Structures are given as structure tokens and as C-alpha cells.
């Protein structure tokens, strides 16, 4: 029960960090695309004051990269607690593609802010959102793949296995015992070959009571 409670607590922390990351992205869009929102009447004076205080005290909006990097760090930390999903085909190739697309859309779209058109601002909002989603997907996939690889051999069986004799060696006096051994993620057929049973062989035992009396 304690372990389940810890997992639930960790999941809540990860969800909270991801929510904060999303809120920071929304704050970023509100601040740097303010003209787009005010043109449509989607602004609130209290939000303007809160964000203004953030900028005066922490300089959070002095550059477009500050909030994006902060949001990405929280997103990466939130992905660490993601559980793996069975039967999902995840490869490093897919992860690299998602990371590349997300990085380009999320970080390299700042030239759109310099254009005066409302369409360019909308494209900046769209690419930032899509880039964030791509980075989140890549982070979740990476966490699942790493966790799956770590859990494949929790008892270190693969590193403790080794190659054994698989060749049958026979002669007139040999003793050959078939075996099975685990090596390279599969079970293999092997042999224990005692080719000279007379060498270094000793027979131990005790005399029967009647034989002791006679001796």
C-alpha cells in the first residue's frame, strides 16, 4: 500500500509540473503575442499586472528563450515519471524525428514575431503549440523506452549467463549429460561431457555391520 501511495504522489507531482510548464507556454504566448490577443479583446487587466510583476522581478519575459527553456525543463522533469506502455512500438528513430520537429517549431519560429501581419502571429502561436506537443511526445516516448529497457533484466540474468559446452564428445567410457543453459536472451542445448570417468574418481562408502564383524 505504501508503494502505491508513493506512486500516486509521484504521478501527481509529475502532472503538476507538466501543468505549470503548459501555463508558462501560455504566458509566453500572451506576452509576446499581446497585440494579437488585444485586437480580439482576449486580455485581462489582472493578467497584465501579474505578468508585468513577473517581468520586473525575475526578468522572465526579457527574451523569448527564457520562458521556453523554463517550460522545456519542467516538461522534461515531468516526463521522468511516465510509466511504460506494453506493446507500443517505440524506437529511437521516432524519438529523434519528434525531437527534431519539436525543437525547430518550438525554438526557431521567433522570426515570425518580427512580421507585422496577424497571420504571422497566429503562425507563431500555432508552431509554438505544435512544437511543444512534439517535444512532449518525444519526452514521453524516451521515458517509456528507457524504463522498458531497464526493466527487461531486473535480476541481471543476462550479465550473469555465459557460453557453455554445446558439443557432444563421446568415447567408449564417456558419460554425457544433456543440459540447457540461458545465454543471449534464449535457452540453448548443451552437454556435460565426462570423457574420462576413471581419472580423479573416488568411491566413498561404509561397510555393512556384518562385514565389520568379519573384518
N, C-alpha and C. Protein backbone atom coordinates (compact mmCIF):
# COMPACT_ATOMS: atom_id res chain seq x y z
N UNK A 1 0.83 -1.21 0.00
CA UNK A 1 0.00 0.00 0.00
C UNK A 1 0.86 1.26 0.00
N UNK A 2 1.96 1.23 0.77
CA UNK A 2 2.82 2.40 0.83
C UNK A 2 3.44 2.68 -0.53
N UNK A 3 3.83 1.61 -1.25
CA UNK A 3 4.39 1.79 -2.58
C UNK A 3 3.40 2.39 -3.55
N UNK A 4 2.14 1.95 -3.47
CA UNK A 4 1.10 2.51 -4.35
C UNK A 4 0.84 3.97 -4.04
N UNK A 5 0.86 4.31 -2.75
CA UNK A 5 0.66 5.71 -2.36
C UNK A 5 1.81 6.58 -2.88
N UNK A 6 3.02 6.06 -2.82
CA UNK A 6 4.17 6.81 -3.32
C UNK A 6 4.06 7.03 -4.82
N UNK A 7 3.61 6.01 -5.55
CA UNK A 7 3.45 6.15 -6.99
C UNK A 7 2.38 7.17 -7.34
N UNK A 8 1.27 7.16 -6.58
CA UNK A 8 0.23 8.15 -6.82
C UNK A 8 0.74 9.56 -6.54
N UNK A 9 1.49 9.70 -5.45
CA UNK A 9 2.06 11.01 -5.14
C UNK A 9 3.02 11.49 -6.21
N UNK A 10 3.86 10.56 -6.71
CA UNK A 10 4.79 10.93 -7.78
C UNK A 10 4.04 11.33 -9.05
N UNK A 11 2.97 10.60 -9.37
CA UNK A 11 2.19 10.92 -10.56
C UNK A 11 1.56 12.31 -10.44
N UNK A 12 1.09 12.66 -9.25
CA UNK A 12 0.50 13.99 -9.04
C UNK A 12 1.55 15.08 -9.20
N UNK A 13 2.75 14.82 -8.69
CA UNK A 13 3.83 15.82 -8.83
C UNK A 13 4.18 16.01 -10.29
N UNK A 14 4.30 14.89 -11.03
CA UNK A 14 4.63 14.99 -12.45
C UNK A 14 3.54 15.74 -13.22
N UNK A 15 2.28 15.45 -12.90
CA UNK A 15 1.17 16.14 -13.56
C UNK A 15 1.18 17.64 -13.24
N UNK A 16 1.50 17.99 -11.99
CA UNK A 16 1.57 19.39 -11.60
C UNK A 16 2.68 20.12 -12.36
N UNK A 17 3.84 19.47 -12.47
CA UNK A 17 4.95 20.10 -13.19
C UNK A 17 4.62 20.31 -14.66
N UNK A 18 3.92 19.34 -15.25
CA UNK A 18 3.54 19.49 -16.66
C UNK A 18 2.51 20.60 -16.82
N UNK A 19 1.59 20.72 -15.85
CA UNK A 19 0.60 21.79 -15.91
C UNK A 19 1.27 23.15 -15.80
N UNK A 20 2.26 23.27 -14.91
CA UNK A 20 2.99 24.54 -14.78
C UNK A 20 3.74 24.85 -16.07
N UNK A 21 4.31 23.82 -16.69
CA UNK A 21 5.01 24.02 -17.96
C UNK A 21 4.07 24.56 -19.03
N UNK A 22 2.87 24.00 -19.11
CA UNK A 22 1.88 24.47 -20.09
C UNK A 22 1.47 25.91 -19.79
N UNK A 23 1.28 26.23 -18.50
CA UNK A 23 0.90 27.59 -18.12
C UNK A 23 1.99 28.58 -18.53
N UNK A 24 3.25 28.19 -18.37
CA UNK A 24 4.36 29.09 -18.77
C UNK A 24 4.34 29.32 -20.27
N UNK A 25 4.05 28.28 -21.05
CA UNK A 25 3.94 28.46 -22.50
C UNK A 25 2.80 29.42 -22.84
N UNK A 26 1.66 29.28 -22.18
CA UNK A 26 0.54 30.19 -22.41
C UNK A 26 0.89 31.63 -22.02
N UNK A 27 1.63 31.79 -20.91
CA UNK A 27 2.08 33.12 -20.51
C UNK A 27 3.01 33.72 -21.56
N UNK A 28 3.87 32.87 -22.10
CA UNK A 28 4.79 33.31 -23.15
C UNK A 28 4.01 33.82 -24.37
N UNK A 29 3.03 33.06 -24.79
CA UNK A 29 2.23 33.46 -25.96
C UNK A 29 1.44 34.73 -25.67
N UNK A 30 0.90 34.86 -24.48
CA UNK A 30 0.12 36.04 -24.12
C UNK A 30 1.00 37.29 -24.13
N UNK A 31 2.23 37.15 -23.63
CA UNK A 31 3.12 38.32 -23.53
C UNK A 31 3.65 38.74 -24.89
N UNK A 32 4.18 37.78 -25.62
CA UNK A 32 4.85 38.12 -26.88
C UNK A 32 3.88 38.26 -28.05
N UNK A 33 2.66 37.80 -27.90
CA UNK A 33 1.64 37.97 -28.95
C UNK A 33 0.49 38.83 -28.41
N UNK A 34 0.84 39.81 -27.59
CA UNK A 34 -0.19 40.60 -26.92
C UNK A 34 -1.06 41.36 -27.91
N UNK A 35 -0.46 41.85 -28.98
CA UNK A 35 -1.24 42.57 -29.98
C UNK A 35 -2.31 41.70 -30.63
N UNK A 36 -2.00 40.43 -30.82
CA UNK A 36 -2.96 39.51 -31.40
C UNK A 36 -4.15 39.32 -30.47
N UNK A 37 -3.89 39.22 -29.16
CA UNK A 37 -4.97 38.99 -28.20
C UNK A 37 -5.78 40.26 -27.93
N UNK A 38 -5.09 41.40 -27.86
CA UNK A 38 -5.82 42.63 -27.55
C UNK A 38 -6.69 43.03 -28.73
N UNK A 39 -6.29 42.70 -29.93
CA UNK A 39 -7.10 43.01 -31.12
C UNK A 39 -8.43 42.27 -31.08
N UNK A 40 -8.45 41.12 -30.41
CA UNK A 40 -9.66 40.31 -30.33
C UNK A 40 -10.35 40.45 -28.97
N UNK A 41 -9.83 41.31 -28.13
CA UNK A 41 -10.44 41.52 -26.83
C UNK A 41 -10.26 40.37 -25.87
N UNK A 42 -9.16 39.62 -26.02
CA UNK A 42 -8.91 38.44 -25.17
C UNK A 42 -7.89 38.75 -24.08
N UNK A 43 -7.92 39.93 -23.51
CA UNK A 43 -6.96 40.31 -22.48
C UNK A 43 -7.70 40.66 -21.19
N UNK A 44 -6.96 40.51 -20.09
CA UNK A 44 -7.49 40.87 -18.77
C UNK A 44 -6.46 41.72 -18.06
N UNK A 45 -6.92 42.75 -17.39
CA UNK A 45 -6.01 43.67 -16.73
C UNK A 45 -5.24 42.98 -15.60
N UNK A 46 -5.90 42.06 -14.88
CA UNK A 46 -5.23 41.39 -13.78
C UNK A 46 -4.09 40.50 -14.28
N UNK A 47 -4.30 39.87 -15.45
CA UNK A 47 -3.22 39.06 -16.03
C UNK A 47 -2.06 39.95 -16.46
N UNK A 48 -2.38 41.11 -17.01
CA UNK A 48 -1.32 42.05 -17.40
C UNK A 48 -0.48 42.46 -16.21
N UNK A 49 -1.12 42.71 -15.07
CA UNK A 49 -0.38 43.11 -13.87
C UNK A 49 0.49 41.97 -13.35
N UNK A 50 -0.07 40.75 -13.34
CA UNK A 50 0.69 39.60 -12.84
C UNK A 50 1.93 39.36 -13.69
N UNK A 51 1.74 39.36 -15.01
CA UNK A 51 2.88 39.12 -15.90
C UNK A 51 3.88 40.27 -15.84
N UNK A 52 3.37 41.49 -15.68
CA UNK A 52 4.27 42.62 -15.54
C UNK A 52 5.13 42.51 -14.28
N UNK A 53 4.53 42.06 -13.19
CA UNK A 53 5.30 41.87 -11.95
C UNK A 53 6.34 40.76 -12.12
N UNK A 54 5.96 39.68 -12.81
CA UNK A 54 6.92 38.61 -13.09
C UNK A 54 8.12 39.17 -13.87
N UNK A 55 7.85 39.99 -14.83
CA UNK A 55 8.93 40.51 -15.67
C UNK A 55 9.81 41.49 -14.90
N UNK A 56 9.22 42.30 -14.03
CA UNK A 56 10.01 43.27 -13.26
C UNK A 56 10.88 42.58 -12.22
N UNK A 57 10.37 41.54 -11.59
CA UNK A 57 11.12 40.90 -10.51
C UNK A 57 12.11 39.83 -11.00
N UNK A 58 11.70 39.08 -12.01
CA UNK A 58 12.55 37.98 -12.46
C UNK A 58 13.05 38.13 -13.89
N UNK A 59 12.59 39.13 -14.61
CA UNK A 59 13.01 39.29 -15.99
C UNK A 59 12.62 38.11 -16.87
N UNK A 60 11.46 37.53 -16.58
CA UNK A 60 11.06 36.29 -17.23
C UNK A 60 10.79 36.48 -18.72
N UNK A 61 10.36 37.68 -19.10
CA UNK A 61 10.00 37.91 -20.49
C UNK A 61 10.96 38.85 -21.21
N UNK A 62 12.19 38.93 -20.70
CA UNK A 62 13.18 39.77 -21.36
C UNK A 62 13.60 39.20 -22.71
N UNK A 63 13.50 37.91 -22.86
CA UNK A 63 13.84 37.25 -24.12
C UNK A 63 12.89 36.09 -24.34
N UNK A 64 12.63 35.78 -25.59
CA UNK A 64 11.68 34.70 -25.88
C UNK A 64 12.18 33.34 -25.42
N UNK A 65 13.49 33.18 -25.32
CA UNK A 65 14.03 31.87 -24.95
C UNK A 65 13.86 31.55 -23.47
N UNK A 66 13.78 32.59 -22.61
CA UNK A 66 13.75 32.34 -21.17
C UNK A 66 12.55 31.47 -20.78
N UNK A 67 11.38 31.90 -21.17
CA UNK A 67 10.18 31.14 -20.80
C UNK A 67 10.13 29.78 -21.50
N UNK A 68 10.63 29.73 -22.73
CA UNK A 68 10.61 28.46 -23.46
C UNK A 68 11.54 27.44 -22.81
N UNK A 69 12.71 27.87 -22.44
CA UNK A 69 13.65 26.95 -21.78
C UNK A 69 13.11 26.50 -20.43
N UNK A 70 12.55 27.44 -19.68
CA UNK A 70 11.97 27.09 -18.38
C UNK A 70 10.85 26.07 -18.54
N UNK A 71 9.98 26.30 -19.52
CA UNK A 71 8.88 25.36 -19.77
C UNK A 71 9.40 23.99 -20.22
N UNK A 72 10.46 23.98 -21.03
CA UNK A 72 11.02 22.72 -21.50
C UNK A 72 11.65 21.93 -20.36
N UNK A 73 12.32 22.61 -19.44
CA UNK A 73 12.92 21.92 -18.29
C UNK A 73 11.84 21.25 -17.44
N UNK A 74 10.78 21.96 -17.16
CA UNK A 74 9.68 21.37 -16.37
C UNK A 74 9.03 20.22 -17.13
N UNK A 75 8.90 20.36 -18.44
CA UNK A 75 8.32 19.27 -19.24
C UNK A 75 9.20 18.03 -19.19
N UNK A 76 10.52 18.22 -19.30
CA UNK A 76 11.44 17.09 -19.25
C UNK A 76 11.38 16.38 -17.90
N UNK A 77 11.31 17.15 -16.82
CA UNK A 77 11.21 16.55 -15.49
C UNK A 77 9.90 15.80 -15.31
N UNK A 78 8.83 16.33 -15.89
CA UNK A 78 7.53 15.66 -15.74
C UNK A 78 7.49 14.35 -16.51
N UNK A 79 8.27 14.25 -17.57
CA UNK A 79 8.28 13.01 -18.37
C UNK A 79 9.03 11.88 -17.66
N UNK A 80 9.85 12.20 -16.67
CA UNK A 80 10.62 11.16 -15.98
C UNK A 80 9.72 10.19 -15.23
N UNK A 81 8.57 10.64 -14.78
CA UNK A 81 7.67 9.78 -14.01
C UNK A 81 6.63 9.07 -14.84
N UNK A 82 6.76 9.11 -16.16
CA UNK A 82 5.77 8.47 -17.02
C UNK A 82 5.98 6.97 -17.04
N UNK A 83 4.92 6.22 -16.87
CA UNK A 83 5.01 4.76 -16.88
C UNK A 83 5.08 4.25 -18.31
N UNK A 84 5.74 3.12 -18.48
CA UNK A 84 5.83 2.49 -19.78
C UNK A 84 4.53 1.81 -20.17
N UNK A 85 4.32 1.69 -21.47
CA UNK A 85 3.13 1.04 -22.00
C UNK A 85 3.57 -0.17 -22.81
N UNK A 86 3.00 -1.32 -22.53
CA UNK A 86 3.37 -2.53 -23.23
C UNK A 86 2.79 -2.51 -24.65
N UNK A 87 3.47 -3.26 -25.52
CA UNK A 87 3.03 -3.48 -26.90
C UNK A 87 3.03 -2.20 -27.72
N UNK A 88 3.66 -1.15 -27.26
CA UNK A 88 3.75 0.06 -28.05
C UNK A 88 5.11 0.09 -28.73
N UNK A 89 5.12 0.16 -30.06
CA UNK A 89 6.35 0.10 -30.83
C UNK A 89 7.02 1.47 -30.83
N UNK A 90 7.98 1.64 -29.93
CA UNK A 90 8.71 2.89 -29.82
C UNK A 90 10.16 2.62 -30.19
N UNK A 91 10.70 3.44 -31.09
CA UNK A 91 12.10 3.30 -31.50
C UNK A 91 12.80 4.64 -31.32
N UNK A 92 14.13 4.58 -31.25
CA UNK A 92 14.89 5.82 -31.11
C UNK A 92 14.77 6.68 -32.36
N UNK A 93 14.54 6.05 -33.52
CA UNK A 93 14.34 6.83 -34.74
C UNK A 93 13.13 7.75 -34.64
N UNK A 94 12.02 7.21 -34.15
CA UNK A 94 10.83 8.03 -33.97
C UNK A 94 11.07 9.14 -32.96
N UNK A 95 11.81 8.83 -31.91
CA UNK A 95 12.09 9.84 -30.88
C UNK A 95 12.92 10.98 -31.46
N UNK A 96 13.95 10.64 -32.26
CA UNK A 96 14.79 11.69 -32.85
C UNK A 96 14.00 12.57 -33.81
N UNK A 97 13.10 11.96 -34.58
CA UNK A 97 12.27 12.74 -35.50
C UNK A 97 11.38 13.70 -34.73
N UNK A 98 10.72 13.20 -33.68
CA UNK A 98 9.85 14.06 -32.87
C UNK A 98 10.64 15.17 -32.19
N UNK A 99 11.83 14.85 -31.68
CA UNK A 99 12.67 15.87 -31.06
C UNK A 99 13.08 16.94 -32.06
N UNK A 100 13.47 16.51 -33.25
CA UNK A 100 13.89 17.48 -34.25
C UNK A 100 12.76 18.41 -34.67
N UNK A 101 11.60 17.82 -34.94
CA UNK A 101 10.45 18.65 -35.33
C UNK A 101 10.05 19.59 -34.20
N UNK A 102 10.01 19.06 -32.99
CA UNK A 102 9.63 19.90 -31.85
C UNK A 102 10.61 21.03 -31.61
N UNK A 103 11.90 20.75 -31.72
CA UNK A 103 12.91 21.79 -31.49
C UNK A 103 12.79 22.90 -32.53
N UNK A 104 12.64 22.53 -33.79
CA UNK A 104 12.54 23.54 -34.84
C UNK A 104 11.28 24.39 -34.67
N UNK A 105 10.15 23.76 -34.43
CA UNK A 105 8.90 24.51 -34.30
C UNK A 105 8.86 25.35 -33.03
N UNK A 106 9.44 24.83 -31.94
CA UNK A 106 9.31 25.50 -30.65
C UNK A 106 10.32 26.62 -30.46
N UNK A 107 11.55 26.42 -30.94
CA UNK A 107 12.61 27.39 -30.67
C UNK A 107 12.98 28.26 -31.87
N UNK A 108 12.79 27.79 -33.07
CA UNK A 108 13.29 28.52 -34.24
C UNK A 108 12.18 29.24 -35.00
N UNK A 109 11.08 29.53 -34.35
CA UNK A 109 9.99 30.24 -35.01
C UNK A 109 9.94 31.72 -34.64
N UNK A 110 10.96 32.23 -33.93
CA UNK A 110 10.93 33.61 -33.47
C UNK A 110 10.92 34.65 -34.60
N UNK A 111 11.44 34.35 -35.81
CA UNK A 111 11.33 35.38 -36.87
C UNK A 111 9.89 35.77 -37.19
N UNK A 112 8.93 34.89 -36.89
CA UNK A 112 7.53 35.22 -37.18
C UNK A 112 7.05 36.41 -36.34
N UNK A 113 7.66 36.62 -35.16
CA UNK A 113 7.24 37.73 -34.32
C UNK A 113 7.63 39.08 -34.91
N UNK A 114 8.61 39.10 -35.80
CA UNK A 114 9.07 40.35 -36.38
C UNK A 114 8.21 40.81 -37.55
N UNK A 115 7.35 39.91 -38.00
CA UNK A 115 6.47 40.28 -39.11
C UNK A 115 5.24 41.00 -38.58
N UNK A 116 4.77 42.02 -39.26
CA UNK A 116 3.65 42.81 -38.73
C UNK A 116 2.28 42.18 -38.95
N UNK A 117 2.19 41.14 -39.72
CA UNK A 117 0.90 40.57 -40.06
C UNK A 117 0.33 39.76 -38.90
N UNK A 118 -1.00 39.81 -38.75
CA UNK A 118 -1.66 38.98 -37.75
C UNK A 118 -1.53 37.49 -38.08
N UNK A 119 -1.45 37.20 -39.38
CA UNK A 119 -1.28 35.80 -39.78
C UNK A 119 0.04 35.25 -39.28
N UNK A 120 1.10 36.05 -39.31
CA UNK A 120 2.41 35.61 -38.82
C UNK A 120 2.35 35.34 -37.32
N UNK A 121 1.64 36.20 -36.59
CA UNK A 121 1.49 35.97 -35.15
C UNK A 121 0.72 34.70 -34.87
N UNK A 122 -0.33 34.47 -35.65
CA UNK A 122 -1.08 33.23 -35.49
C UNK A 122 -0.21 32.02 -35.79
N UNK A 123 0.62 32.11 -36.82
CA UNK A 123 1.53 31.01 -37.16
C UNK A 123 2.54 30.78 -36.03
N UNK A 124 2.97 31.87 -35.38
CA UNK A 124 3.88 31.72 -34.25
C UNK A 124 3.20 30.95 -33.11
N UNK A 125 1.96 31.30 -32.81
CA UNK A 125 1.21 30.59 -31.76
C UNK A 125 1.02 29.12 -32.15
N UNK A 126 0.69 28.88 -33.41
CA UNK A 126 0.45 27.51 -33.87
C UNK A 126 1.71 26.68 -33.82
N UNK A 127 2.82 27.21 -34.34
CA UNK A 127 4.07 26.44 -34.35
C UNK A 127 4.61 26.21 -32.94
N UNK A 128 4.43 27.20 -32.07
CA UNK A 128 4.87 27.01 -30.68
C UNK A 128 4.08 25.88 -30.01
N UNK A 129 2.76 25.87 -30.23
CA UNK A 129 1.95 24.80 -29.65
C UNK A 129 2.30 23.43 -30.22
N UNK A 130 2.44 23.36 -31.54
CA UNK A 130 2.78 22.07 -32.17
C UNK A 130 4.18 21.62 -31.75
N UNK A 131 5.11 22.55 -31.64
CA UNK A 131 6.45 22.19 -31.20
C UNK A 131 6.47 21.66 -29.78
N UNK A 132 5.68 22.29 -28.92
CA UNK A 132 5.60 21.82 -27.54
C UNK A 132 5.01 20.41 -27.48
N UNK A 133 3.98 20.16 -28.26
CA UNK A 133 3.36 18.83 -28.28
C UNK A 133 4.36 17.79 -28.79
N UNK A 134 5.13 18.13 -29.84
CA UNK A 134 6.11 17.19 -30.37
C UNK A 134 7.20 16.89 -29.34
N UNK A 135 7.65 17.91 -28.62
CA UNK A 135 8.66 17.68 -27.58
C UNK A 135 8.10 16.85 -26.44
N UNK A 136 6.85 17.07 -26.09
CA UNK A 136 6.23 16.30 -25.02
C UNK A 136 6.11 14.83 -25.43
N UNK A 137 5.70 14.58 -26.68
CA UNK A 137 5.58 13.20 -27.17
C UNK A 137 6.95 12.53 -27.17
N UNK A 138 7.98 13.25 -27.63
CA UNK A 138 9.33 12.68 -27.64
C UNK A 138 9.80 12.37 -26.22
N UNK A 139 9.51 13.26 -25.28
CA UNK A 139 9.92 13.02 -23.89
C UNK A 139 9.21 11.82 -23.29
N UNK A 140 7.93 11.69 -23.55
CA UNK A 140 7.17 10.55 -23.03
C UNK A 140 7.69 9.25 -23.63
N UNK A 141 7.92 9.25 -24.95
CA UNK A 141 8.45 8.05 -25.60
C UNK A 141 9.82 7.68 -25.05
N UNK A 142 10.68 8.69 -24.86
CA UNK A 142 12.02 8.43 -24.36
C UNK A 142 11.97 7.83 -22.96
N UNK A 143 11.12 8.39 -22.11
CA UNK A 143 10.99 7.88 -20.75
C UNK A 143 10.49 6.44 -20.76
N UNK A 144 9.50 6.15 -21.61
CA UNK A 144 8.95 4.79 -21.68
C UNK A 144 9.99 3.81 -22.20
N UNK A 145 10.77 4.21 -23.21
CA UNK A 145 11.76 3.31 -23.78
C UNK A 145 12.88 3.03 -22.80
N UNK A 146 13.36 4.07 -22.11
CA UNK A 146 14.41 3.87 -21.11
C UNK A 146 13.92 3.01 -19.96
N UNK A 147 12.71 3.27 -19.50
CA UNK A 147 12.16 2.48 -18.39
C UNK A 147 11.95 1.03 -18.81
N UNK A 148 11.51 0.80 -20.05
CA UNK A 148 11.30 -0.56 -20.54
C UNK A 148 12.62 -1.30 -20.64
N UNK A 149 13.67 -0.63 -21.11
CA UNK A 149 14.98 -1.28 -21.22
C UNK A 149 15.55 -1.62 -19.86
N UNK A 150 15.33 -0.75 -18.87
CA UNK A 150 15.85 -1.01 -17.53
C UNK A 150 15.12 -2.16 -16.86
N UNK A 151 13.84 -2.35 -17.20
CA UNK A 151 13.05 -3.38 -16.54
C UNK A 151 13.11 -4.72 -17.24
N UNK A 152 13.80 -4.81 -18.40
CA UNK A 152 13.86 -6.08 -19.12
C UNK A 152 14.64 -7.13 -18.35
N UNK A 153 15.67 -6.73 -17.60
CA UNK A 153 16.54 -7.69 -16.92
C UNK A 153 16.82 -7.19 -15.51
N UNK A 154 15.78 -7.13 -14.70
CA UNK A 154 15.90 -6.55 -13.36
C UNK A 154 16.79 -7.40 -12.45
N UNK A 155 16.91 -8.71 -12.71
CA UNK A 155 17.73 -9.58 -11.86
C UNK A 155 19.11 -9.83 -12.46
N UNK A 156 19.46 -9.10 -13.51
CA UNK A 156 20.80 -9.19 -14.11
C UNK A 156 21.12 -10.60 -14.61
N UNK A 157 20.10 -11.31 -15.07
CA UNK A 157 20.33 -12.68 -15.54
C UNK A 157 21.23 -12.72 -16.77
N UNK A 158 21.07 -11.74 -17.66
CA UNK A 158 21.84 -11.77 -18.90
C UNK A 158 23.33 -11.60 -18.64
N UNK A 159 23.69 -10.68 -17.74
CA UNK A 159 25.11 -10.46 -17.46
C UNK A 159 25.74 -11.61 -16.68
N UNK A 160 24.93 -12.38 -15.98
CA UNK A 160 25.46 -13.50 -15.21
C UNK A 160 25.48 -14.81 -16.00
N UNK A 161 24.96 -14.80 -17.22
CA UNK A 161 24.98 -16.01 -18.04
C UNK A 161 26.25 -16.03 -18.88
N UNK A 162 26.62 -17.21 -19.36
CA UNK A 162 27.85 -17.36 -20.15
C UNK A 162 27.68 -18.55 -21.09
N UNK A 163 28.55 -18.58 -22.09
CA UNK A 163 28.53 -19.66 -23.07
C UNK A 163 29.03 -20.95 -22.44
N UNK A 164 28.30 -22.05 -22.66
CA UNK A 164 28.70 -23.35 -22.13
C UNK A 164 28.90 -24.32 -23.29
N UNK A 165 29.36 -25.52 -22.93
CA UNK A 165 29.69 -26.50 -23.96
C UNK A 165 28.42 -27.00 -24.66
N UNK A 166 28.43 -26.91 -25.99
CA UNK A 166 27.30 -27.38 -26.79
C UNK A 166 27.66 -28.58 -27.67
N UNK A 167 28.92 -28.97 -27.65
CA UNK A 167 29.37 -30.09 -28.50
C UNK A 167 29.35 -31.39 -27.71
N UNK A 168 28.84 -32.45 -28.32
CA UNK A 168 28.81 -33.78 -27.70
C UNK A 168 30.13 -34.49 -27.99
N UNK A 169 30.85 -34.83 -26.91
CA UNK A 169 32.15 -35.52 -27.05
C UNK A 169 32.03 -36.91 -26.43
N UNK A 170 32.09 -37.93 -27.24
CA UNK A 170 31.85 -39.31 -26.81
C UNK A 170 33.06 -40.21 -27.06
N UNK A 171 33.20 -41.18 -26.18
CA UNK A 171 34.12 -42.30 -26.41
C UNK A 171 33.52 -43.53 -25.73
N UNK A 172 34.28 -44.59 -25.64
CA UNK A 172 33.72 -45.83 -25.10
C UNK A 172 33.34 -45.73 -23.63
N UNK A 173 33.97 -44.83 -22.88
CA UNK A 173 33.73 -44.76 -21.44
C UNK A 173 33.13 -43.43 -21.00
N UNK A 174 32.84 -42.59 -21.93
CA UNK A 174 32.38 -41.24 -21.57
C UNK A 174 30.98 -41.28 -20.96
N UNK A 175 30.74 -40.26 -20.12
CA UNK A 175 29.42 -40.02 -19.55
C UNK A 175 28.97 -38.65 -20.05
N UNK A 176 27.84 -38.63 -20.72
CA UNK A 176 27.36 -37.39 -21.35
C UNK A 176 25.97 -37.05 -20.81
N UNK A 177 25.88 -35.88 -20.20
CA UNK A 177 24.63 -35.44 -19.59
C UNK A 177 24.10 -34.23 -20.36
N UNK A 178 22.89 -34.33 -20.92
CA UNK A 178 22.32 -33.18 -21.63
C UNK A 178 21.90 -32.08 -20.66
N UNK A 179 22.10 -30.86 -21.05
CA UNK A 179 21.75 -29.71 -20.21
C UNK A 179 21.08 -28.64 -21.06
N UNK A 180 20.53 -27.65 -20.38
CA UNK A 180 20.02 -26.44 -21.01
C UNK A 180 20.57 -25.25 -20.24
N UNK A 181 21.02 -24.22 -20.95
CA UNK A 181 21.55 -23.03 -20.29
C UNK A 181 21.04 -21.78 -21.01
N UNK A 182 20.91 -20.70 -20.24
CA UNK A 182 20.39 -19.43 -20.76
C UNK A 182 21.55 -18.53 -21.15
N UNK A 183 21.53 -18.08 -22.40
CA UNK A 183 22.61 -17.21 -22.89
C UNK A 183 22.11 -16.43 -24.09
N UNK A 184 22.38 -15.13 -24.13
CA UNK A 184 21.98 -14.25 -25.22
C UNK A 184 20.46 -14.29 -25.44
N UNK A 185 19.73 -14.11 -24.35
CA UNK A 185 18.27 -13.97 -24.39
C UNK A 185 17.54 -15.20 -24.91
N UNK A 186 18.14 -16.36 -24.80
CA UNK A 186 17.44 -17.58 -25.22
C UNK A 186 18.04 -18.78 -24.50
N UNK A 187 17.26 -19.87 -24.50
CA UNK A 187 17.71 -21.12 -23.90
C UNK A 187 18.43 -21.95 -24.97
N UNK A 188 19.58 -22.51 -24.59
CA UNK A 188 20.40 -23.28 -25.52
C UNK A 188 20.59 -24.69 -24.99
N UNK A 189 20.76 -25.65 -25.90
CA UNK A 189 21.06 -27.04 -25.54
C UNK A 189 22.56 -27.23 -25.38
N UNK A 190 22.95 -27.88 -24.31
CA UNK A 190 24.36 -28.12 -24.06
C UNK A 190 24.62 -29.52 -23.54
N UNK A 191 25.89 -29.80 -23.30
CA UNK A 191 26.30 -31.13 -22.82
C UNK A 191 27.35 -30.98 -21.72
N UNK A 192 27.21 -31.84 -20.69
CA UNK A 192 28.28 -32.03 -19.71
C UNK A 192 28.98 -33.33 -20.11
N UNK A 193 30.21 -33.19 -20.61
CA UNK A 193 30.96 -34.34 -21.13
C UNK A 193 32.03 -34.77 -20.13
N UNK A 194 31.87 -35.97 -19.59
CA UNK A 194 32.92 -36.57 -18.75
C UNK A 194 33.59 -37.64 -19.62
N UNK A 195 34.66 -37.24 -20.30
CA UNK A 195 35.26 -38.13 -21.30
C UNK A 195 36.16 -39.20 -20.68
N UNK A 196 36.62 -38.98 -19.46
CA UNK A 196 37.47 -39.97 -18.79
C UNK A 196 37.00 -40.12 -17.34
N UNK A 197 35.99 -40.94 -17.12
CA UNK A 197 35.45 -41.05 -15.76
C UNK A 197 36.39 -41.74 -14.77
N UNK A 198 37.47 -42.41 -15.28
CA UNK A 198 38.41 -43.11 -14.38
C UNK A 198 39.46 -42.18 -13.79
N UNK A 199 39.60 -41.02 -14.37
CA UNK A 199 40.60 -40.09 -13.88
C UNK A 199 40.02 -39.28 -12.72
N UNK A 200 40.75 -39.24 -11.63
CA UNK A 200 40.36 -38.44 -10.46
C UNK A 200 38.97 -38.80 -9.97
N UNK A 201 38.65 -40.11 -9.97
CA UNK A 201 37.36 -40.58 -9.47
C UNK A 201 37.57 -41.35 -8.18
N UNK A 202 36.81 -41.09 -7.19
CA UNK A 202 36.93 -41.76 -5.90
C UNK A 202 35.55 -42.28 -5.49
N UNK A 203 35.52 -43.45 -4.89
CA UNK A 203 34.29 -44.05 -4.42
C UNK A 203 34.34 -44.09 -2.90
N UNK A 204 33.36 -43.49 -2.25
CA UNK A 204 33.29 -43.42 -0.80
C UNK A 204 32.08 -44.20 -0.33
N UNK A 205 32.20 -44.83 0.84
CA UNK A 205 31.08 -45.57 1.39
C UNK A 205 31.44 -46.14 2.76
N UNK A 206 30.55 -46.89 3.34
CA UNK A 206 30.78 -47.52 4.64
C UNK A 206 30.48 -49.01 4.54
N UNK A 207 31.10 -49.79 5.42
CA UNK A 207 30.87 -51.23 5.44
C UNK A 207 29.57 -51.55 6.17
N UNK A 208 28.92 -52.58 5.71
CA UNK A 208 27.73 -53.06 6.42
C UNK A 208 28.14 -53.62 7.77
N UNK A 209 27.26 -53.61 8.77
CA UNK A 209 27.61 -54.09 10.12
C UNK A 209 28.18 -55.51 10.11
N UNK A 210 27.62 -56.44 9.32
CA UNK A 210 28.12 -57.81 9.33
C UNK A 210 29.52 -57.89 8.76
N UNK A 211 29.80 -57.04 7.79
CA UNK A 211 31.14 -57.05 7.19
C UNK A 211 32.16 -56.51 8.18
N UNK A 212 31.74 -55.57 9.03
CA UNK A 212 32.67 -55.04 10.05
C UNK A 212 33.06 -56.12 11.05
N UNK A 213 32.09 -56.95 11.46
CA UNK A 213 32.39 -58.01 12.42
C UNK A 213 33.38 -59.00 11.84
N UNK A 214 33.22 -59.32 10.55
CA UNK A 214 34.12 -60.28 9.92
C UNK A 214 35.53 -59.72 9.80
N UNK A 215 35.60 -58.39 9.57
CA UNK A 215 36.93 -57.81 9.42
C UNK A 215 37.61 -57.63 10.76
